[in-house]
PDB file of N, CA and C in Angstrom:
ATOM      1  N   MET A   1       0.892  -1.201  -0.005  1.00  0.00           N
ATOM      2  CA  MET A   1       0.057   0.050   0.036  1.00  0.00           C
ATOM      3  C   MET A   1       0.896   1.159   0.130  1.00  0.00           C
ATOM      4  N   PRO A   2       0.577   2.222  -0.882  1.00  0.00           N
ATOM      5  CA  PRO A   2       1.531   3.447  -1.050  1.00  0.00           C
ATOM      6  C   PRO A   2       1.333   4.380   0.169  1.00  0.00           C
ATOM      7  N   ARG A   3       2.244   5.201   0.340  1.00  0.00           N
ATOM      8  CA  ARG A   3       2.259   6.225   1.519  1.00  0.00           C
ATOM      9  C   ARG A   3       1.120   7.228   0.942  1.00  0.00           C
ATOM     10  N   SER A   4       0.491   7.867   1.993  1.00  0.00           N
ATOM     11  CA  SER A   4      -0.666   8.629   1.793  1.00  0.00           C
ATOM     12  C   SER A   4       0.088  10.174   1.132  1.00  0.00           C
ATOM     13  N   ALA A   5      -0.689  10.827   0.140  1.00  0.00           N
ATOM     14  CA  ALA A   5      -0.119  12.069  -0.475  1.00  0.00           C
ATOM     15  C   ALA A   5      -0.091  13.106   0.556  1.00  0.00           C
ATOM     16  N   LYS A   6      -0.802  13.077   1.589  1.00  0.00           N
ATOM     17  CA  LYS A   6      -0.780  14.096   2.605  1.00  0.00           C
ATOM     18  C   LYS A   6       0.524  14.163   3.255  1.00  0.00           C
ATOM     19  N   LYS A   7       1.166  13.019   3.425  1.00  0.00           N
ATOM     20  CA  LYS A   7       2.250  12.854   4.178  1.00  0.00           C
ATOM     21  C   LYS A   7       3.585  13.215   3.432  1.00  0.00           C
ATOM     22  N   GLY A   8       3.460  12.963   2.091  1.00  0.00           N
ATOM     23  CA  GLY A   8       4.526  13.237   1.267  1.00  0.00           C
ATOM     24  C   GLY A   8       5.456  12.010   1.042  1.00  0.00           C
ATOM     25  N   PRO A   9       6.457  11.928   0.246  1.00  0.00           N
ATOM     26  CA  PRO A   9       7.279  10.798  -0.013  1.00  0.00           C
ATOM     27  C   PRO A   9       8.221  10.745   1.262  1.00  0.00           C
ATOM     28  N   PHE A  10       8.626   9.419   1.534  1.00  0.00           N
ATOM     29  CA  PHE A  10       9.603   9.344   2.662  1.00  0.00           C
ATOM     30  C   PHE A  10      11.052   9.443   2.165  1.00  0.00           C
ATOM     31  N   VAL A  11      12.024  10.138   2.867  1.00  0.00           N
ATOM     32  CA  VAL A  11      13.461  10.307   2.608  1.00  0.00           C
ATOM     33  C   VAL A  11      13.901  10.432   4.100  1.00  0.00           C
ATOM     34  N   ALA A  12      14.952   9.491   4.188  1.00  0.00           N
ATOM     35  CA  ALA A  12      15.674   9.432   5.421  1.00  0.00           C
ATOM     36  C   ALA A  12      16.241  10.877   5.726  1.00  0.00           C
ATOM     37  N   HIS A  13      16.079  11.446   7.056  1.00  0.00           N
ATOM     38  CA  HIS A  13      16.619  12.648   7.251  1.00  0.00           C
ATOM     39  C   HIS A  13      18.158  12.907   7.116  1.00  0.00           C
ATOM     40  N   TYR A  14      18.963  11.911   7.522  1.00  0.00           N
ATOM     41  CA  TYR A  14      20.385  12.171   7.216  1.00  0.00           C
ATOM     42  C   TYR A  14      20.840  12.016   5.754  1.00  0.00           C
ATOM     43  N   LEU A  15      19.981  11.251   5.015  1.00  0.00           N
ATOM     44  CA  LEU A  15      20.044  11.105   3.459  1.00  0.00           C
ATOM     45  C   LEU A  15      19.896  12.626   3.008  1.00  0.00           C
ATOM     46  N   LEU A  16      18.801  13.231   3.360  1.00  0.00           N
ATOM     47  CA  LEU A  16      18.488  14.452   2.913  1.00  0.00           C
ATOM     48  C   LEU A  16      19.575  15.604   3.080  1.00  0.00           C
ATOM     49  N   LYS A  17      20.030  15.482   4.381  1.00  0.00           N
ATOM     50  CA  LYS A  17      21.234  16.501   4.892  1.00  0.00           C
ATOM     51  C   LYS A  17      22.384  16.234   4.050  1.00  0.00           C
ATOM     52  N   LYS A  18      22.794  14.879   3.599  1.00  0.00           N
ATOM     53  CA  LYS A  18      23.930  14.546   2.783  1.00  0.00           C
ATOM     54  C   LYS A  18      23.643  15.181   1.430  1.00  0.00           C
ATOM     55  N   VAL A  19      22.524  15.165   0.726  1.00  0.00           N
ATOM     56  CA  VAL A  19      22.216  15.469  -0.492  1.00  0.00           C
ATOM     57  C   VAL A  19      22.250  17.082  -0.507  1.00  0.00           C
ATOM     58  N   GLN A  20      21.596  17.749   0.406  1.00  0.00           N
ATOM     59  CA  GLN A  20      21.769  19.269   0.449  1.00  0.00           C
ATOM     60  C   GLN A  20      22.998  19.709   0.521  1.00  0.00           C
ATOM     61  N   ALA A  21      23.907  19.073   1.380  1.00  0.00           N
ATOM     62  CA  ALA A  21      25.235  19.533   1.398  1.00  0.00           C
ATOM     63  C   ALA A  21      25.973  19.191   0.196  1.00  0.00           C
ATOM     64  N   ALA A  22      25.877  18.147  -0.486  1.00  0.00           N
ATOM     65  CA  ALA A  22      26.409  17.967  -1.879  1.00  0.00           C
ATOM     66  C   ALA A  22      25.934  18.942  -2.752  1.00  0.00           C
ATOM     67  N   LEU A  23      24.793  19.394  -2.755  1.00  0.00           N
ATOM     68  CA  LEU A  23      24.245  20.410  -3.740  1.00  0.00           C
ATOM     69  C   LEU A  23      24.835  21.869  -3.470  1.00  0.00           C
ATOM     70  N   GLU A  24      24.986  22.095  -2.208  1.00  0.00           N
ATOM     71  CA  GLU A  24      25.582  23.494  -1.757  1.00  0.00           C
ATOM     72  C   GLU A  24      27.047  23.415  -2.095  1.00  0.00           C
ATOM     73  N   ALA A  25      27.736  22.300  -2.068  1.00  0.00           N
ATOM     74  CA  ALA A  25      29.187  22.183  -2.356  1.00  0.00           C
ATOM     75  C   ALA A  25      29.556  21.844  -3.944  1.00  0.00           C
ATOM     76  N   ASN A  26      28.400  21.642  -4.572  1.00  0.00           N
ATOM     77  CA  ASN A  26      28.443  21.219  -5.965  1.00  0.00           C
ATOM     78  C   ASN A  26      29.461  20.213  -6.176  1.00  0.00           C
ATOM     79  N   SER A  27      29.339  19.039  -5.341  1.00  0.00           N
ATOM     80  CA  SER A  27      30.064  17.971  -5.211  1.00  0.00           C
ATOM     81  C   SER A  27      29.535  16.714  -6.389  1.00  0.00           C
ATOM     82  N   GLN A  28      30.377  16.137  -6.950  1.00  0.00           N
ATOM     83  CA  GLN A  28      30.013  14.824  -7.722  1.00  0.00           C
ATOM     84  C   GLN A  28      30.396  13.605  -7.204  1.00  0.00           C
ATOM     85  N   LYS A  29      30.733  13.721  -6.001  1.00  0.00           N
ATOM     86  CA  LYS A  29      31.265  12.506  -5.132  1.00  0.00           C
ATOM     87  C   LYS A  29      29.934  11.680  -4.795  1.00  0.00           C
ATOM     88  N   PRO A  30      29.965  10.364  -4.930  1.00  0.00           N
ATOM     89  CA  PRO A  30      28.742   9.619  -4.695  1.00  0.00           C
ATOM     90  C   PRO A  30      28.512   9.519  -3.252  1.00  0.00           C
ATOM     91  N   ILE A  31      27.171   9.536  -2.822  1.00  0.00           N
ATOM     92  CA  ILE A  31      26.677   9.486  -1.525  1.00  0.00           C
ATOM     93  C   ILE A  31      26.313   8.013  -1.094  1.00  0.00           C
ATOM     94  N   LYS A  32      27.048   7.517   0.037  1.00  0.00           N
ATOM     95  CA  LYS A  32      26.786   6.281   0.636  1.00  0.00           C
ATOM     96  C   LYS A  32      25.496   6.324   1.441  1.00  0.00           C
ATOM     97  N   THR A  33      24.610   5.202   1.121  1.00  0.00           N
ATOM     98  CA  THR A  33      23.480   5.032   2.042  1.00  0.00           C
ATOM     99  C   THR A  33      23.033   3.698   2.261  1.00  0.00           C
ATOM    100  N   TYR A  34      22.463   3.457   3.358  1.00  0.00           N
ATOM    101  CA  TYR A  34      21.955   2.176   3.674  1.00  0.00           C
ATOM    102  C   TYR A  34      20.430   2.264   3.598  1.00  0.00           C
ATOM    103  N   SER A  35      19.843   3.354   3.382  1.00  0.00           N
ATOM    104  CA  SER A  35      18.524   3.694   3.282  1.00  0.00           C
ATOM    105  C   SER A  35      17.903   3.304   1.891  1.00  0.00           C
ATOM    106  N   ARG A  36      17.512   2.026   1.751  1.00  0.00           N
ATOM    107  CA  ARG A  36      16.790   1.517   0.510  1.00  0.00           C
ATOM    108  C   ARG A  36      15.324   2.061   0.202  1.00  0.00           C
ATOM    109  N   ARG A  37      14.916   2.238   1.512  1.00  0.00           N
ATOM    110  CA  ARG A  37      13.387   2.628   1.247  1.00  0.00           C
ATOM    111  C   ARG A  37      13.193   4.285   1.072  1.00  0.00           C
ATOM    112  N   SER A  38      14.273   4.882   0.986  1.00  0.00           N
ATOM    113  CA  SER A  38      14.079   6.307   0.606  1.00  0.00           C
ATOM    114  C   SER A  38      13.734   6.565  -0.732  1.00  0.00           C
ATOM    115  N   CYS A  39      12.592   7.522  -0.819  1.00  0.00           N
ATOM    116  CA  CYS A  39      12.080   7.771  -2.143  1.00  0.00           C
ATOM    117  C   CYS A  39      13.040   8.681  -2.858  1.00  0.00           C
ATOM    118  N   ILE A  40      13.038   8.619  -4.257  1.00  0.00           N
ATOM    119  CA  ILE A  40      13.918   9.522  -5.032  1.00  0.00           C
ATOM    120  C   ILE A  40      13.295  10.643  -5.304  1.00  0.00           C
ATOM    121  N   LEU A  41      13.809  12.104  -5.075  1.00  0.00           N
ATOM    122  CA  LEU A  41      13.058  13.141  -5.248  1.00  0.00           C
ATOM    123  C   LEU A  41      13.643  13.851  -6.531  1.00  0.00           C
ATOM    124  N   PRO A  42      13.033  14.886  -7.091  1.00  0.00           N
ATOM    125  CA  PRO A  42      13.401  15.580  -8.183  1.00  0.00           C
ATOM    126  C   PRO A  42      14.799  16.270  -7.861  1.00  0.00           C
ATOM    127  N   MET A  43      15.123  16.674  -6.797  1.00  0.00           N
ATOM    128  CA  MET A  43      16.528  17.321  -6.431  1.00  0.00           C
ATOM    129  C   MET A  43      17.763  16.236  -6.520  1.00  0.00           C
ATOM    130  N   PHE A  44      17.283  14.959  -6.564  1.00  0.00           N
ATOM    131  CA  PHE A  44      18.347  14.031  -6.654  1.00  0.00           C
ATOM    132  C   PHE A  44      18.752  13.762  -8.069  1.00  0.00           C
ATOM    133  N   VAL A  45      18.054  14.088  -9.112  1.00  0.00           N
ATOM    134  CA  VAL A  45      18.445  13.970 -10.450  1.00  0.00           C
ATOM    135  C   VAL A  45      19.759  14.430 -10.786  1.00  0.00           C
ATOM    136  N   GLY A  46      20.662  13.417 -11.310  1.00  0.00           N
ATOM    137  CA  GLY A  46      21.986  13.783 -11.809  1.00  0.00           C
ATOM    138  C   GLY A  46      23.145  13.492 -10.853  1.00  0.00           C
ATOM    139  N   MET A  47      22.573  12.974  -9.598  1.00  0.00           N
ATOM    140  CA  MET A  47      23.390  12.578  -8.390  1.00  0.00           C
ATOM    141  C   MET A  47      23.758  11.198  -8.563  1.00  0.00           C
ATOM    142  N   LYS A  48      24.925  10.792  -7.894  1.00  0.00           N
ATOM    143  CA  LYS A  48      25.297   9.504  -7.813  1.00  0.00           C
ATOM    144  C   LYS A  48      25.260   8.867  -6.335  1.00  0.00           C
ATOM    145  N   PHE A  49      24.714   7.647  -6.184  1.00  0.00           N
ATOM    146  CA  PHE A  49      24.402   7.192  -4.914  1.00  0.00           C
ATOM    147  C   PHE A  49      25.128   5.757  -4.806  1.00  0.00           C
ATOM    148  N   LEU A  50      25.478   5.427  -3.551  1.00  0.00           N
ATOM    149  CA  LEU A  50      25.982   4.079  -3.449  1.00  0.00           C
ATOM    150  C   LEU A  50      25.042   3.374  -2.465  1.00  0.00           C
ATOM    151  N   VAL A  51      24.246   2.560  -2.964  1.00  0.00           N
ATOM    152  CA  VAL A  51      23.112   1.967  -2.244  1.00  0.00           C
ATOM    153  C   VAL A  51      23.671   0.600  -1.850  1.00  0.00           C
ATOM    154  N   HIS A  52      23.443   0.148  -0.513  1.00  0.00           N
ATOM    155  CA  HIS A  52      23.794  -0.938   0.198  1.00  0.00           C
ATOM    156  C   HIS A  52      22.796  -2.092  -0.232  1.00  0.00           C
ATOM    157  N   ASN A  53      23.439  -3.213  -0.793  1.00  0.00           N
ATOM    158  CA  ASN A  53      22.261  -4.435  -0.963  1.00  0.00           C
ATOM    159  C   ASN A  53      22.342  -5.478  -0.038  1.00  0.00           C
ATOM    160  N   GLY A  54      22.904  -5.289   1.082  1.00  0.00           N
ATOM    161  CA  GLY A  54      23.141  -6.311   1.999  1.00  0.00           C
ATOM    162  C   GLY A  54      24.651  -6.909   1.930  1.00  0.00           C
ATOM    163  N   LYS A  55      25.208  -6.862   1.002  1.00  0.00           N
ATOM    164  CA  LYS A  55      26.790  -7.428   0.858  1.00  0.00           C
ATOM    165  C   LYS A  55      27.624  -6.266   0.520  1.00  0.00           C
ATOM    166  N   VAL A  56      27.403  -5.498  -0.673  1.00  0.00           N
ATOM    167  CA  VAL A  56      28.246  -4.427  -1.128  1.00  0.00           C
ATOM    168  C   VAL A  56      27.505  -3.178  -1.604  1.00  0.00           C
ATOM    169  N   PHE A  57      28.078  -2.059  -1.723  1.00  0.00           N
ATOM    170  CA  PHE A  57      27.449  -0.848  -2.342  1.00  0.00           C
ATOM    171  C   PHE A  57      27.434  -0.780  -3.685  1.00  0.00           C
ATOM    172  N   VAL A  58      26.092  -0.659  -4.206  1.00  0.00           N
ATOM    173  CA  VAL A  58      25.860  -0.787  -5.583  1.00  0.00           C
ATOM    174  C   VAL A  58      25.796   0.720  -6.224  1.00  0.00           C
ATOM    175  N   PRO A  59      26.608   1.056  -7.229  1.00  0.00           N
ATOM    176  CA  PRO A  59      26.375   2.458  -7.584  1.00  0.00           C
ATOM    177  C   PRO A  59      25.171   2.725  -8.547  1.00  0.00           C
ATOM    178  N   VAL A  60      24.459   3.856  -8.132  1.00  0.00           N
ATOM    179  CA  VAL A  60      23.342   4.100  -8.872  1.00  0.00           C
ATOM    180  C   VAL A  60      23.156   5.526  -9.333  1.00  0.00           C
ATOM    181  N   TYR A  61      23.066   5.793 -10.653  1.00  0.00           N
ATOM    182  CA  TYR A  61      23.156   7.147 -11.138  1.00  0.00           C
ATOM    183  C   TYR A  61      21.625   7.427 -11.323  1.00  0.00           C
ATOM    184  N   VAL A  62      21.102   8.673 -10.795  1.00  0.00           N
ATOM    185  CA  VAL A  62      19.787   8.991 -10.753  1.00  0.00           C
ATOM    186  C   VAL A  62      19.260   9.847 -12.071  1.00  0.00           C
ATOM    187  N   THR A  63      18.365   9.350 -12.619  1.00  0.00           N
ATOM    188  CA  THR A  63      17.828  10.153 -13.924  1.00  0.00           C
ATOM    189  C   THR A  63      16.353  10.626 -13.765  1.00  0.00           C
ATOM    190  N   LYS A  64      15.952  11.392 -14.402  1.00  0.00           N
ATOM    191  CA  LYS A  64      14.584  11.893 -14.326  1.00  0.00           C
ATOM    192  C   LYS A  64      13.364  10.879 -14.304  1.00  0.00           C
ATOM    193  N   GLU A  65      13.716   9.725 -14.994  1.00  0.00           N
ATOM    194  CA  GLU A  65      12.692   8.524 -15.123  1.00  0.00           C
ATOM    195  C   GLU A  65      12.369   7.814 -13.618  1.00  0.00           C
ATOM    196  N   MET A  66      13.542   8.014 -12.799  1.00  0.00           N
ATOM    197  CA  MET A  66      13.535   7.233 -11.574  1.00  0.00           C
ATOM    198  C   MET A  66      12.866   7.878 -10.331  1.00  0.00           C
ATOM    199  N   VAL A  67      12.612   9.274 -10.574  1.00  0.00           N
ATOM    200  CA  VAL A  67      11.795  10.103  -9.504  1.00  0.00           C
ATOM    201  C   VAL A  67      10.468   9.425  -9.121  1.00  0.00           C
ATOM    202  N   GLY A  68      10.248   9.239  -7.749  1.00  0.00           N
ATOM    203  CA  GLY A  68       9.009   8.717  -7.291  1.00  0.00           C
ATOM    204  C   GLY A  68       9.350   7.231  -6.798  1.00  0.00           C
ATOM    205  N   MET A  69      10.449   6.611  -7.370  1.00  0.00           N
ATOM    206  CA  MET A  69      10.797   5.079  -6.889  1.00  0.00           C
ATOM    207  C   MET A  69      11.704   5.315  -5.678  1.00  0.00           C
ATOM    208  N   SER A  70      11.828   4.003  -5.151  1.00  0.00           N
ATOM    209  CA  SER A  70      12.863   4.102  -3.965  1.00  0.00           C
ATOM    210  C   SER A  70      14.190   3.470  -4.358  1.00  0.00           C
ATOM    211  N   LEU A  71      15.061   3.912  -3.787  1.00  0.00           N
ATOM    212  CA  LEU A  71      16.495   3.538  -4.130  1.00  0.00           C
ATOM    213  C   LEU A  71      16.839   2.166  -4.035  1.00  0.00           C
ATOM    214  N   GLY A  72      16.122   1.251  -3.448  1.00  0.00           N
ATOM    215  CA  GLY A  72      16.336  -0.075  -3.116  1.00  0.00           C
ATOM    216  C   GLY A  72      15.962  -0.775  -4.515  1.00  0.00           C
ATOM    217  N   VAL A  73      15.074  -0.304  -5.198  1.00  0.00           N
ATOM    218  CA  VAL A  73      14.631  -0.974  -6.494  1.00  0.00           C
ATOM    219  C   VAL A  73      15.880  -1.196  -7.515  1.00  0.00           C
ATOM    220  N   PHE A  74      16.719  -0.221  -7.466  1.00  0.00           N
ATOM    221  CA  PHE A  74      17.939  -0.229  -8.246  1.00  0.00           C
ATOM    222  C   PHE A  74      19.223  -0.963  -7.733  1.00  0.00           C
ATOM    223  N   ALA A  75      19.045  -1.626  -6.510  1.00  0.00           N
ATOM    224  CA  ALA A  75      20.227  -2.392  -5.925  1.00  0.00           C
ATOM    225  C   ALA A  75      19.681  -3.667  -5.491  1.00  0.00           C
ATOM    226  N   MET A  76      19.813  -4.622  -6.631  1.00  0.00           N
ATOM    227  CA  MET A  76      19.237  -5.936  -6.408  1.00  0.00           C
ATOM    228  C   MET A  76      19.846  -6.678  -5.288  1.00  0.00           C
ATOM    229  N   THR A  77      19.143  -7.481  -4.425  1.00  0.00           N
ATOM    230  CA  THR A  77      19.687  -8.136  -3.330  1.00  0.00           C
ATOM    231  C   THR A  77      19.952  -9.549  -3.640  1.00  0.00           C
ATOM    232  N   ARG A  78      19.490 -10.059  -4.598  1.00  0.00           N
ATOM    233  CA  ARG A  78      19.476 -11.548  -4.996  1.00  0.00           C
ATOM    234  C   ARG A  78      20.182 -11.605  -6.222  1.00  0.00           C
ATOM    235  N   LEU A  79      20.949 -12.707  -6.480  1.00  0.00           N
ATOM    236  CA  LEU A  79      21.761 -12.977  -7.774  1.00  0.00           C
ATOM    237  C   LEU A  79      21.270 -14.237  -8.203  1.00  0.00           C
ATOM    238  N   PHE A  80      20.691 -14.132  -9.484  1.00  0.00           N
ATOM    239  CA  PHE A  80      20.062 -15.183 -10.275  1.00  0.00           C
ATOM    240  C   PHE A  80      21.358 -15.846 -11.048  1.00  0.00           C
ATOM    241  N   LYS A  81      21.722 -17.075 -10.825  1.00  0.00           N
ATOM    242  CA  LYS A  81      22.723 -17.914 -11.322  1.00  0.00           C
ATOM    243  C   LYS A  81      22.104 -18.646 -12.660  1.00  0.00           C
ATOM    244  N   GLN A  82      21.318 -19.547 -12.484  1.00  0.00           N
ATOM    245  CA  GLN A  82      20.997 -20.355 -13.548  1.00  0.00           C
ATOM    246  C   GLN A  82      19.822 -21.452 -13.029  1.00  0.00           C
ATOM    247  N   HIS A  83      18.867 -21.910 -13.668  1.00  0.00           N
ATOM    248  CA  HIS A  83      17.882 -22.897 -13.380  1.00  0.00           C
ATOM    249  C   HIS A  83      18.672 -24.222 -13.267  1.00  0.00           C
ATOM    250  N   ALA A  84      18.240 -25.104 -12.263  1.00  0.00           N
ATOM    251  CA  ALA A  84      18.939 -26.480 -12.145  1.00  0.00           C
ATOM    252  C   ALA A  84      18.563 -27.312 -13.347  1.00  0.00           C
ATOM    253  N   GLY A  85      17.428 -27.201 -13.888  1.00  0.00           N
ATOM    254  CA  GLY A  85      16.969 -27.963 -15.086  1.00  0.00           C
ATOM    255  C   GLY A  85      17.716 -27.648 -16.336  1.00  0.00           C
ATOM    256  N   ASP A  86      18.143 -26.496 -16.541  1.00  0.00           N
ATOM    257  CA  ASP A  86      18.797 -26.176 -17.745  1.00  0.00           C
ATOM    258  C   ASP A  86      20.134 -26.880 -17.750  1.00  0.00           C
ATOM    259  N   ARG A  87      20.906 -27.162 -16.598  1.00  0.00           N
ATOM    260  CA  ARG A  87      22.269 -27.832 -16.474  1.00  0.00           C
ATOM    261  C   ARG A  87      21.942 -29.456 -16.805  1.00  0.00           C
ATOM    262  N   LYS A  88      20.883 -29.921 -16.174  1.00  0.00           N
ATOM    263  CA  LYS A  88      20.725 -31.279 -16.296  1.00  0.00           C
ATOM    264  C   LYS A  88      20.275 -31.680 -17.948  1.00  0.00           C
ATOM    265  N   SER A  89      19.714 -30.955 -18.603  1.00  0.00           N
ATOM    266  CA  SER A  89      19.300 -31.366 -19.971  1.00  0.00           C
ATOM    267  C   SER A  89      20.649 -31.238 -21.032  1.00  0.00           C
ATOM    268  N   LYS A  90      21.613 -30.597 -20.567  1.00  0.00           N
ATOM    269  CA  LYS A  90      22.739 -30.616 -21.539  1.00  0.00           C
ATOM    270  C   LYS A  90      23.583 -31.792 -21.488  1.00  0.00           C
TER     271      LYS A  90
END
């Protein structure tokens, strides 16, 4: 169920502070975050984030099509190797 429009999108307060500091400093350095549930705002467009997937930090470059989605969508947590049945048939 989506968050109500009255409340607005969720963004972790510490992540928002990091983004505002990077915008003021005009920094192109990627921002490290563990907050996968934070929503991407229009002010994030053109920024680089390092989103933790449980094992490593995955680089994410934000474009305008990503606005409104959460950061965790772009850092996959599971790695698909191959179906077992495909190896048996060979």
